[in-house]
Amino acid sequence: MVENGWVIWINGLAGSGKSTIGKHLYDKLKPSLPNLVYLDGDGFRELFGHHHHDKQSRIQVAHKRADLCHFLSSQGIHIIATTISLFDEIYRYNREKFTHYLEIYIQCELKELIKRDQKNLYTQALQSQIKDVVGIDIPYDTPQSDLIIDNNTLTDLDKKTQTIIDFLKTKNIFSLDTNPS
């Protein structure tokens, strides 16, 4: 019988840096964990054609993402999933669904997100040009995550990633050799 893989669910608001940190974590861990995959929120929506952003649609997509993660995990694959998914319903669903689950919240203040605003989401939402932006007109539930990474500054990516790796090591989540020779 195959042991379930770990699901590392990295969430945060749009622009918080969750994808950057998640991808960097994946790059660091992949040499030690060949059965590791990275599943980004934008890529998932594009692949499965989900283009609605209201709260209920976001919850439905989060359930589908979790179901895919469960499917992969049940085959011994470890997953790093980056997503907004900032709703209590999803936190509960994931904690009930996964045998091996770790939730990491990438915390970033709205004021900083508005300054970054790479996709122009916050500016347009604040000017009532678009709707269904989490943190503006869709309230979110701050997670009680296993680990919180403060990403109010876009510095120290290696240090933030190493904080996650060190946390994984202290929890004995899997054997990690992040400095292979």
N, C-alpha and C. Protein backbone atom coordinates (compact mmCIF):
# COMPACT_ATOMS: atom_id res chain seq x y z
N MET A 1 0.84 -1.18 0.00
CA MET A 1 0.00 0.00 0.00
C MET A 1 0.88 1.25 0.00
N VAL A 2 0.56 2.19 -0.86
CA VAL A 2 1.31 3.43 -1.00
C VAL A 2 0.89 4.39 0.11
N GLU A 3 1.88 5.00 0.75
CA GLU A 3 1.56 6.01 1.77
C GLU A 3 1.17 7.31 1.07
N ASN A 4 0.16 7.98 1.61
CA ASN A 4 -0.29 9.24 1.02
C ASN A 4 0.83 10.27 1.04
N GLY A 5 0.87 11.06 -0.04
CA GLY A 5 1.81 12.17 -0.10
C GLY A 5 1.31 13.34 0.72
N TRP A 6 2.18 14.29 0.93
CA TRP A 6 1.83 15.50 1.68
C TRP A 6 1.26 16.54 0.74
N VAL A 7 0.28 17.29 1.24
CA VAL A 7 -0.27 18.44 0.53
C VAL A 7 0.15 19.68 1.31
N ILE A 8 0.96 20.51 0.68
CA ILE A 8 1.38 21.78 1.27
C ILE A 8 0.55 22.86 0.56
N TRP A 9 -0.43 23.37 1.27
CA TRP A 9 -1.43 24.30 0.73
C TRP A 9 -0.98 25.71 1.12
N ILE A 10 -0.50 26.47 0.15
CA ILE A 10 0.01 27.82 0.40
C ILE A 10 -1.05 28.81 -0.09
N ASN A 11 -1.58 29.60 0.85
CA ASN A 11 -2.63 30.53 0.46
C ASN A 11 -2.29 31.96 0.90
N GLY A 12 -2.99 32.88 0.28
CA GLY A 12 -2.81 34.31 0.55
C GLY A 12 -3.58 35.09 -0.49
N LEU A 13 -3.70 36.36 -0.28
CA LEU A 13 -4.42 37.22 -1.22
C LEU A 13 -3.65 37.36 -2.54
N ALA A 14 -4.34 37.82 -3.58
CA ALA A 14 -3.71 38.07 -4.87
C ALA A 14 -2.57 39.07 -4.68
N GLY A 15 -1.41 38.72 -5.20
CA GLY A 15 -0.25 39.60 -5.10
C GLY A 15 0.57 39.44 -3.84
N SER A 16 0.17 38.53 -2.96
CA SER A 16 0.89 38.37 -1.68
C SER A 16 2.24 37.70 -1.85
N GLY A 17 2.45 37.01 -2.97
CA GLY A 17 3.72 36.34 -3.20
C GLY A 17 3.65 34.83 -3.02
N LYS A 18 2.45 34.30 -2.90
CA LYS A 18 2.30 32.86 -2.66
C LYS A 18 2.85 32.03 -3.81
N SER A 19 2.62 32.45 -5.06
CA SER A 19 3.13 31.69 -6.20
C SER A 19 4.65 31.76 -6.27
N THR A 20 5.20 32.93 -6.03
CA THR A 20 6.67 33.09 -6.05
C THR A 20 7.31 32.21 -4.99
N ILE A 21 6.77 32.25 -3.78
CA ILE A 21 7.32 31.45 -2.69
C ILE A 21 7.07 29.96 -2.95
N GLY A 22 5.87 29.61 -3.41
CA GLY A 22 5.56 28.21 -3.69
C GLY A 22 6.45 27.62 -4.76
N LYS A 23 6.68 28.35 -5.83
CA LYS A 23 7.54 27.86 -6.91
C LYS A 23 8.98 27.74 -6.44
N HIS A 24 9.44 28.71 -5.65
CA HIS A 24 10.81 28.66 -5.12
C HIS A 24 10.98 27.46 -4.18
N LEU A 25 9.97 27.22 -3.36
CA LEU A 25 9.98 26.05 -2.47
C LEU A 25 10.03 24.77 -3.31
N TYR A 26 9.22 24.69 -4.34
CA TYR A 26 9.22 23.53 -5.23
C TYR A 26 10.62 23.32 -5.82
N ASP A 27 11.23 24.38 -6.33
CA ASP A 27 12.56 24.27 -6.93
C ASP A 27 13.60 23.76 -5.93
N LYS A 28 13.47 24.18 -4.69
CA LYS A 28 14.41 23.75 -3.64
C LYS A 28 14.18 22.29 -3.25
N LEU A 29 12.93 21.85 -3.21
CA LEU A 29 12.60 20.51 -2.72
C LEU A 29 12.65 19.43 -3.81
N LYS A 30 12.42 19.79 -5.05
CA LYS A 30 12.30 18.82 -6.14
C LYS A 30 13.52 17.88 -6.24
N PRO A 31 14.77 18.36 -6.09
CA PRO A 31 15.89 17.43 -6.19
C PRO A 31 15.84 16.31 -5.13
N SER A 32 15.27 16.58 -3.98
CA SER A 32 15.16 15.57 -2.92
C SER A 32 13.86 14.77 -2.99
N LEU A 33 12.87 15.34 -3.66
CA LEU A 33 11.54 14.71 -3.72
C LEU A 33 11.08 14.61 -5.17
N PRO A 34 11.53 13.58 -5.89
CA PRO A 34 11.14 13.49 -7.30
C PRO A 34 9.64 13.32 -7.50
N ASN A 35 8.92 12.88 -6.47
CA ASN A 35 7.47 12.71 -6.57
C ASN A 35 6.73 13.95 -6.06
N LEU A 36 7.28 15.12 -6.31
CA LEU A 36 6.70 16.40 -5.91
C LEU A 36 6.17 17.12 -7.14
N VAL A 37 4.95 17.67 -7.04
CA VAL A 37 4.39 18.49 -8.12
C VAL A 37 4.00 19.85 -7.57
N TYR A 38 3.97 20.82 -8.46
CA TYR A 38 3.57 22.18 -8.11
C TYR A 38 2.28 22.50 -8.86
N LEU A 39 1.27 22.94 -8.13
CA LEU A 39 -0.04 23.25 -8.71
C LEU A 39 -0.39 24.69 -8.35
N ASP A 40 -0.28 25.58 -9.33
CA ASP A 40 -0.55 27.00 -9.12
C ASP A 40 -2.02 27.31 -9.41
N GLY A 41 -2.58 28.24 -8.66
CA GLY A 41 -3.98 28.60 -8.80
C GLY A 41 -4.36 29.08 -10.19
N ASP A 42 -3.56 29.99 -10.76
CA ASP A 42 -3.86 30.50 -12.10
C ASP A 42 -3.79 29.37 -13.13
N GLY A 43 -2.78 28.54 -13.03
CA GLY A 43 -2.64 27.41 -13.95
C GLY A 43 -3.79 26.44 -13.84
N PHE A 44 -4.23 26.19 -12.62
CA PHE A 44 -5.36 25.27 -12.40
C PHE A 44 -6.62 25.81 -13.06
N ARG A 45 -6.92 27.09 -12.84
CA ARG A 45 -8.12 27.69 -13.43
C ARG A 45 -8.04 27.66 -14.95
N GLU A 46 -6.87 27.95 -15.49
CA GLU A 46 -6.69 27.96 -16.94
C GLU A 46 -6.87 26.54 -17.51
N LEU A 47 -6.29 25.57 -16.86
CA LEU A 47 -6.36 24.19 -17.32
C LEU A 47 -7.78 23.66 -17.32
N PHE A 48 -8.54 24.00 -16.27
CA PHE A 48 -9.89 23.46 -16.13
C PHE A 48 -10.99 24.45 -16.51
N GLY A 49 -10.61 25.61 -17.04
CA GLY A 49 -11.59 26.53 -17.60
C GLY A 49 -12.48 27.24 -16.60
N HIS A 50 -11.99 27.54 -15.43
CA HIS A 50 -12.79 28.25 -14.44
C HIS A 50 -12.47 29.74 -14.52
N HIS A 51 -13.46 30.51 -14.97
CA HIS A 51 -13.20 31.93 -15.18
C HIS A 51 -14.12 32.83 -14.37
N HIS A 52 -14.92 32.25 -13.48
CA HIS A 52 -15.79 33.05 -12.62
C HIS A 52 -15.08 33.25 -11.29
N HIS A 53 -15.22 34.44 -10.72
CA HIS A 53 -14.46 34.77 -9.52
C HIS A 53 -15.33 35.14 -8.32
N ASP A 54 -16.66 34.96 -8.43
CA ASP A 54 -17.51 35.23 -7.27
C ASP A 54 -17.17 34.22 -6.18
N LYS A 55 -17.61 34.49 -4.98
CA LYS A 55 -17.22 33.66 -3.83
C LYS A 55 -17.59 32.20 -4.03
N GLN A 56 -18.82 31.92 -4.46
CA GLN A 56 -19.24 30.53 -4.62
C GLN A 56 -18.41 29.81 -5.67
N SER A 57 -18.10 30.49 -6.78
CA SER A 57 -17.25 29.88 -7.82
C SER A 57 -15.85 29.61 -7.29
N ARG A 58 -15.34 30.52 -6.48
CA ARG A 58 -14.01 30.32 -5.88
C ARG A 58 -14.01 29.10 -4.95
N ILE A 59 -15.08 28.94 -4.21
CA ILE A 59 -15.19 27.79 -3.31
C ILE A 59 -15.27 26.50 -4.11
N GLN A 60 -16.05 26.50 -5.19
CA GLN A 60 -16.16 25.32 -6.04
C GLN A 60 -14.80 24.94 -6.64
N VAL A 61 -14.07 25.93 -7.13
CA VAL A 61 -12.75 25.68 -7.69
C VAL A 61 -11.80 25.15 -6.61
N ALA A 62 -11.88 25.71 -5.42
CA ALA A 62 -11.02 25.24 -4.32
C ALA A 62 -11.33 23.78 -3.97
N HIS A 63 -12.60 23.40 -4.00
CA HIS A 63 -12.96 22.00 -3.77
C HIS A 63 -12.37 21.09 -4.85
N LYS A 64 -12.46 21.52 -6.10
CA LYS A 64 -11.90 20.73 -7.21
C LYS A 64 -10.38 20.62 -7.08
N ARG A 65 -9.74 21.73 -6.70
CA ARG A 65 -8.29 21.71 -6.51
C ARG A 65 -7.93 20.73 -5.39
N ALA A 66 -8.68 20.79 -4.30
CA ALA A 66 -8.43 19.87 -3.18
C ALA A 66 -8.68 18.43 -3.60
N ASP A 67 -9.70 18.19 -4.40
CA ASP A 67 -9.98 16.83 -4.87
C ASP A 67 -8.84 16.31 -5.75
N LEU A 68 -8.31 17.17 -6.62
CA LEU A 68 -7.16 16.77 -7.43
C LEU A 68 -5.96 16.47 -6.54
N CYS A 69 -5.72 17.32 -5.56
CA CYS A 69 -4.62 17.10 -4.62
C CYS A 69 -4.81 15.77 -3.88
N HIS A 70 -6.04 15.48 -3.49
CA HIS A 70 -6.33 14.21 -2.80
C HIS A 70 -6.04 13.02 -3.70
N PHE A 71 -6.45 13.12 -4.95
CA PHE A 71 -6.20 12.07 -5.93
C PHE A 71 -4.70 11.81 -6.07
N LEU A 72 -3.93 12.88 -6.24
CA LEU A 72 -2.48 12.73 -6.39
C LEU A 72 -1.83 12.23 -5.10
N SER A 73 -2.25 12.79 -3.99
CA SER A 73 -1.70 12.40 -2.69
C SER A 73 -1.94 10.92 -2.41
N SER A 74 -3.10 10.41 -2.79
CA SER A 74 -3.42 9.00 -2.54
C SER A 74 -2.51 8.06 -3.32
N GLN A 75 -1.77 8.61 -4.30
CA GLN A 75 -0.83 7.83 -5.08
C GLN A 75 0.62 8.07 -4.64
N GLY A 76 0.76 8.71 -3.47
CA GLY A 76 2.09 8.93 -2.92
C GLY A 76 2.81 10.14 -3.47
N ILE A 77 2.09 11.01 -4.14
CA ILE A 77 2.68 12.22 -4.71
C ILE A 77 2.53 13.35 -3.71
N HIS A 78 3.62 14.10 -3.51
CA HIS A 78 3.59 15.29 -2.66
C HIS A 78 3.21 16.48 -3.54
N ILE A 79 2.42 17.40 -2.99
CA ILE A 79 1.92 18.53 -3.77
C ILE A 79 2.18 19.84 -3.03
N ILE A 80 2.63 20.83 -3.77
CA ILE A 80 2.64 22.22 -3.31
C ILE A 80 1.57 22.92 -4.13
N ALA A 81 0.51 23.36 -3.48
CA ALA A 81 -0.60 24.04 -4.16
C ALA A 81 -0.66 25.48 -3.67
N THR A 82 -0.62 26.42 -4.61
CA THR A 82 -0.75 27.83 -4.25
C THR A 82 -2.11 28.33 -4.73
N THR A 83 -2.80 29.04 -3.82
CA THR A 83 -4.18 29.42 -4.09
C THR A 83 -4.65 30.54 -3.17
N ILE A 84 -5.65 31.26 -3.58
CA ILE A 84 -6.26 32.24 -2.67
C ILE A 84 -7.09 31.47 -1.64
N SER A 85 -8.14 30.80 -2.02
CA SER A 85 -8.93 29.88 -1.16
C SER A 85 -8.99 30.26 0.31
N LEU A 86 -9.29 31.50 0.61
CA LEU A 86 -9.26 32.01 1.99
C LEU A 86 -10.64 31.97 2.65
N PHE A 87 -11.22 30.77 2.73
CA PHE A 87 -12.55 30.62 3.30
C PHE A 87 -12.55 29.47 4.30
N ASP A 88 -13.20 29.69 5.44
CA ASP A 88 -13.26 28.66 6.49
C ASP A 88 -13.74 27.32 5.95
N GLU A 89 -14.71 27.35 5.04
CA GLU A 89 -15.23 26.12 4.46
C GLU A 89 -14.12 25.29 3.81
N ILE A 90 -13.19 25.94 3.15
CA ILE A 90 -12.08 25.24 2.48
C ILE A 90 -11.07 24.74 3.51
N TYR A 91 -10.76 25.55 4.51
CA TYR A 91 -9.83 25.11 5.56
C TYR A 91 -10.34 23.82 6.20
N ARG A 92 -11.63 23.81 6.56
CA ARG A 92 -12.23 22.61 7.18
C ARG A 92 -12.21 21.43 6.22
N TYR A 93 -12.62 21.66 4.99
CA TYR A 93 -12.66 20.61 3.97
C TYR A 93 -11.29 19.94 3.84
N ASN A 94 -10.27 20.76 3.71
CA ASN A 94 -8.91 20.23 3.54
C ASN A 94 -8.45 19.45 4.76
N ARG A 95 -8.70 19.98 5.93
CA ARG A 95 -8.24 19.30 7.15
C ARG A 95 -8.95 17.96 7.36
N GLU A 96 -10.18 17.86 6.88
CA GLU A 96 -10.91 16.59 6.97
C GLU A 96 -10.50 15.63 5.86
N LYS A 97 -10.16 16.15 4.70
CA LYS A 97 -9.91 15.33 3.51
C LYS A 97 -8.52 14.70 3.48
N PHE A 98 -7.50 15.45 3.91
CA PHE A 98 -6.12 15.00 3.72
C PHE A 98 -5.56 14.32 4.96
N THR A 99 -4.85 13.23 4.72
CA THR A 99 -4.14 12.53 5.78
C THR A 99 -2.91 13.33 6.20
N HIS A 100 -2.19 13.85 5.20
CA HIS A 100 -0.96 14.62 5.44
C HIS A 100 -1.16 16.00 4.82
N TYR A 101 -1.36 17.00 5.68
CA TYR A 101 -1.73 18.33 5.20
C TYR A 101 -1.02 19.39 6.01
N LEU A 102 -0.48 20.37 5.32
CA LEU A 102 0.16 21.50 5.96
C LEU A 102 -0.31 22.76 5.25
N GLU A 103 -0.77 23.73 6.04
CA GLU A 103 -1.28 24.97 5.48
C GLU A 103 -0.34 26.11 5.84
N ILE A 104 0.05 26.86 4.83
CA ILE A 104 0.95 28.00 5.02
C ILE A 104 0.25 29.24 4.48
N TYR A 105 0.19 30.27 5.32
CA TYR A 105 -0.47 31.52 4.94
C TYR A 105 0.60 32.55 4.63
N ILE A 106 0.53 33.12 3.43
CA ILE A 106 1.44 34.20 3.04
C ILE A 106 0.72 35.50 3.35
N GLN A 107 1.12 36.11 4.44
CA GLN A 107 0.45 37.30 4.95
C GLN A 107 1.05 38.55 4.33
N CYS A 108 0.18 39.42 3.84
CA CYS A 108 0.61 40.70 3.28
C CYS A 108 -0.54 41.69 3.46
N GLU A 109 -0.23 42.83 3.99
CA GLU A 109 -1.23 43.86 4.26
C GLU A 109 -1.83 44.39 2.95
N LEU A 110 -3.12 44.72 3.00
CA LEU A 110 -3.82 45.22 1.82
C LEU A 110 -3.14 46.47 1.26
N LYS A 111 -2.67 47.33 2.12
CA LYS A 111 -1.98 48.56 1.67
C LYS A 111 -0.79 48.20 0.77
N GLU A 112 -0.04 47.19 1.14
CA GLU A 112 1.11 46.75 0.34
C GLU A 112 0.64 46.09 -0.96
N LEU A 113 -0.43 45.30 -0.88
CA LEU A 113 -0.96 44.65 -2.08
C LEU A 113 -1.42 45.68 -3.11
N ILE A 114 -2.03 46.75 -2.63
CA ILE A 114 -2.49 47.81 -3.52
C ILE A 114 -1.29 48.48 -4.18
N LYS A 115 -0.20 48.65 -3.44
CA LYS A 115 1.01 49.23 -4.04
C LYS A 115 1.58 48.32 -5.12
N ARG A 116 1.57 47.01 -4.88
CA ARG A 116 2.11 46.04 -5.85
C ARG A 116 1.19 45.92 -7.06
N ASP A 117 -0.04 45.56 -6.81
CA ASP A 117 -1.15 45.45 -7.77
C ASP A 117 -0.71 45.07 -9.19
N GLN A 118 0.03 43.97 -9.31
CA GLN A 118 0.56 43.52 -10.59
C GLN A 118 -0.51 43.30 -11.65
N LYS A 119 -1.65 42.80 -11.25
CA LYS A 119 -2.72 42.49 -12.21
C LYS A 119 -3.77 43.60 -12.26
N ASN A 120 -3.52 44.69 -11.55
CA ASN A 120 -4.42 45.85 -11.53
C ASN A 120 -5.80 45.49 -10.93
N LEU A 121 -5.85 44.43 -10.15
CA LEU A 121 -7.12 43.99 -9.55
C LEU A 121 -7.63 44.96 -8.51
N TYR A 122 -6.76 45.30 -7.56
CA TYR A 122 -7.20 46.12 -6.44
C TYR A 122 -7.59 47.52 -6.90
N THR A 123 -6.80 48.10 -7.80
CA THR A 123 -7.10 49.43 -8.30
C THR A 123 -8.47 49.45 -9.00
N GLN A 124 -8.70 48.46 -9.86
CA GLN A 124 -9.97 48.40 -10.58
C GLN A 124 -11.14 48.13 -9.63
N ALA A 125 -10.94 47.27 -8.64
CA ALA A 125 -12.01 46.97 -7.68
C ALA A 125 -12.33 48.19 -6.82
N LEU A 126 -11.31 48.90 -6.39
CA LEU A 126 -11.53 50.09 -5.57
C LEU A 126 -12.21 51.20 -6.35
N GLN A 127 -12.05 51.19 -7.68
CA GLN A 127 -12.70 52.17 -8.54
C GLN A 127 -14.02 51.63 -9.11
N SER A 128 -14.50 50.50 -8.58
CA SER A 128 -15.75 49.86 -8.99
C SER A 128 -15.78 49.49 -10.47
N GLN A 129 -14.62 49.25 -11.05
CA GLN A 129 -14.55 48.83 -12.45
C GLN A 129 -14.71 47.32 -12.59
N ILE A 130 -14.32 46.58 -11.56
CA ILE A 130 -14.52 45.14 -11.52
C ILE A 130 -15.03 44.77 -10.13
N LYS A 131 -15.55 43.55 -10.04
CA LYS A 131 -16.01 43.08 -8.74
C LYS A 131 -15.46 41.67 -8.51
N ASP A 132 -15.80 41.13 -7.36
CA ASP A 132 -15.38 39.78 -6.97
C ASP A 132 -13.88 39.67 -6.74
N VAL A 133 -13.32 40.65 -6.05
CA VAL A 133 -11.91 40.63 -5.68
C VAL A 133 -11.83 40.33 -4.18
N VAL A 134 -11.20 39.22 -3.86
CA VAL A 134 -11.07 38.82 -2.45
C VAL A 134 -10.24 39.88 -1.73
N GLY A 135 -10.76 40.34 -0.61
CA GLY A 135 -10.09 41.38 0.16
C GLY A 135 -10.69 42.76 -0.07
N ILE A 136 -11.43 42.91 -1.15
CA ILE A 136 -12.10 44.19 -1.44
C ILE A 136 -13.61 43.99 -1.27
N ASP A 137 -14.26 43.32 -2.21
CA ASP A 137 -15.71 43.12 -2.09
C ASP A 137 -16.09 41.68 -1.74
N ILE A 138 -15.12 40.80 -1.66
CA ILE A 138 -15.36 39.46 -1.13
C ILE A 138 -14.54 39.34 0.15
N PRO A 139 -15.22 39.29 1.29
CA PRO A 139 -14.48 39.14 2.54
C PRO A 139 -13.84 37.76 2.62
N TYR A 140 -12.73 37.69 3.33
CA TYR A 140 -12.05 36.40 3.48
C TYR A 140 -11.86 36.08 4.95
N ASP A 141 -11.61 34.82 5.22
CA ASP A 141 -11.38 34.34 6.57
C ASP A 141 -9.88 34.11 6.74
N THR A 142 -9.28 34.86 7.64
CA THR A 142 -7.85 34.67 7.89
C THR A 142 -7.64 33.26 8.44
N PRO A 143 -6.77 32.49 7.80
CA PRO A 143 -6.59 31.11 8.25
C PRO A 143 -5.82 31.01 9.56
N GLN A 144 -6.08 29.94 10.27
CA GLN A 144 -5.29 29.58 11.45
C GLN A 144 -4.28 28.54 10.98
N SER A 145 -3.36 28.98 10.16
CA SER A 145 -2.44 28.10 9.45
C SER A 145 -1.39 27.49 10.36
N ASP A 146 -0.75 26.45 9.83
CA ASP A 146 0.36 25.81 10.54
C ASP A 146 1.57 26.72 10.59
N LEU A 147 1.72 27.56 9.56
CA LEU A 147 2.85 28.48 9.47
C LEU A 147 2.39 29.74 8.76
N ILE A 148 2.83 30.89 9.25
CA ILE A 148 2.53 32.18 8.61
C ILE A 148 3.85 32.80 8.19
N ILE A 149 3.92 33.20 6.93
CA ILE A 149 5.10 33.88 6.40
C ILE A 149 4.70 35.33 6.13
N ASP A 150 5.38 36.26 6.78
CA ASP A 150 5.14 37.68 6.56
C ASP A 150 5.85 38.08 5.27
N ASN A 151 5.07 38.51 4.28
CA ASN A 151 5.64 38.89 3.00
C ASN A 151 5.27 40.32 2.63
N ASN A 152 5.31 41.19 3.64
CA ASN A 152 5.04 42.60 3.39
C ASN A 152 6.17 43.30 2.66
N THR A 153 7.33 42.64 2.61
CA THR A 153 8.43 43.14 1.80
C THR A 153 8.82 42.03 0.84
N LEU A 154 9.23 42.40 -0.34
CA LEU A 154 9.59 41.42 -1.36
C LEU A 154 11.08 41.08 -1.31
N THR A 155 11.61 41.04 -0.11
CA THR A 155 13.02 40.69 0.05
C THR A 155 13.13 39.33 0.73
N ASP A 156 14.31 38.77 0.70
CA ASP A 156 14.64 37.55 1.44
C ASP A 156 13.83 36.33 1.01
N LEU A 157 13.65 36.13 -0.29
CA LEU A 157 12.92 34.97 -0.78
C LEU A 157 13.57 33.68 -0.28
N ASP A 158 14.90 33.61 -0.36
CA ASP A 158 15.60 32.40 0.12
C ASP A 158 15.35 32.18 1.60
N LYS A 159 15.37 33.24 2.38
CA LYS A 159 15.16 33.12 3.83
C LYS A 159 13.73 32.65 4.13
N LYS A 160 12.76 33.21 3.43
CA LYS A 160 11.36 32.82 3.65
C LYS A 160 11.15 31.36 3.25
N THR A 161 11.73 30.97 2.15
CA THR A 161 11.62 29.58 1.71
C THR A 161 12.32 28.66 2.71
N GLN A 162 13.47 29.07 3.20
CA GLN A 162 14.20 28.25 4.18
C GLN A 162 13.40 28.12 5.48
N THR A 163 12.67 29.15 5.84
CA THR A 163 11.80 29.08 7.03
C THR A 163 10.79 27.95 6.86
N ILE A 164 10.23 27.83 5.66
CA ILE A 164 9.26 26.76 5.39
C ILE A 164 9.96 25.40 5.45
N ILE A 165 11.12 25.30 4.82
CA ILE A 165 11.87 24.03 4.82
C ILE A 165 12.23 23.63 6.25
N ASP A 166 12.69 24.59 7.04
CA ASP A 166 13.04 24.29 8.43
C ASP A 166 11.82 23.82 9.21
N PHE A 167 10.67 24.43 8.94
CA PHE A 167 9.42 24.01 9.59
C PHE A 167 9.08 22.57 9.20
N LEU A 168 9.21 22.26 7.91
CA LEU A 168 8.94 20.90 7.44
C LEU A 168 9.85 19.90 8.15
N LYS A 169 11.11 20.29 8.31
CA LYS A 169 12.07 19.40 8.99
C LYS A 169 11.70 19.19 10.45
N THR A 170 11.28 20.25 11.14
CA THR A 170 10.94 20.10 12.56
C THR A 170 9.71 19.22 12.74
N LYS A 171 8.85 19.19 11.75
CA LYS A 171 7.64 18.36 11.82
C LYS A 171 7.90 16.95 11.29
N ASN A 172 9.13 16.67 10.85
CA ASN A 172 9.48 15.37 10.27
C ASN A 172 8.50 14.96 9.17
N ILE A 173 8.15 15.92 8.34
CA ILE A 173 7.15 15.67 7.31
C ILE A 173 7.66 14.69 6.26
N PHE A 174 8.84 14.91 5.78
CA PHE A 174 9.51 13.93 4.93
C PHE A 174 11.00 14.20 5.00
N SER A 175 11.76 13.24 4.59
CA SER A 175 13.21 13.39 4.63
C SER A 175 13.62 14.38 3.57
N LEU A 176 14.28 15.43 4.00
CA LEU A 176 14.67 16.49 3.07
C LEU A 176 16.18 16.66 3.03
N ASP A 177 16.71 16.68 1.83
CA ASP A 177 18.11 17.01 1.63
C ASP A 177 18.10 18.16 0.63
N THR A 178 18.10 19.39 1.12
CA THR A 178 17.99 20.54 0.22
C THR A 178 19.36 21.01 -0.26
N ASN A 179 20.41 20.30 0.12
CA ASN A 179 21.75 20.61 -0.37
C ASN A 179 22.39 19.34 -0.93
N PRO A 180 21.79 18.76 -1.99
CA PRO A 180 22.35 17.52 -2.51
C PRO A 180 23.74 17.75 -3.09
N SER A 181 24.63 16.78 -2.88
CA SER A 181 25.99 16.96 -3.40
C SER A 181 26.14 16.31 -4.76
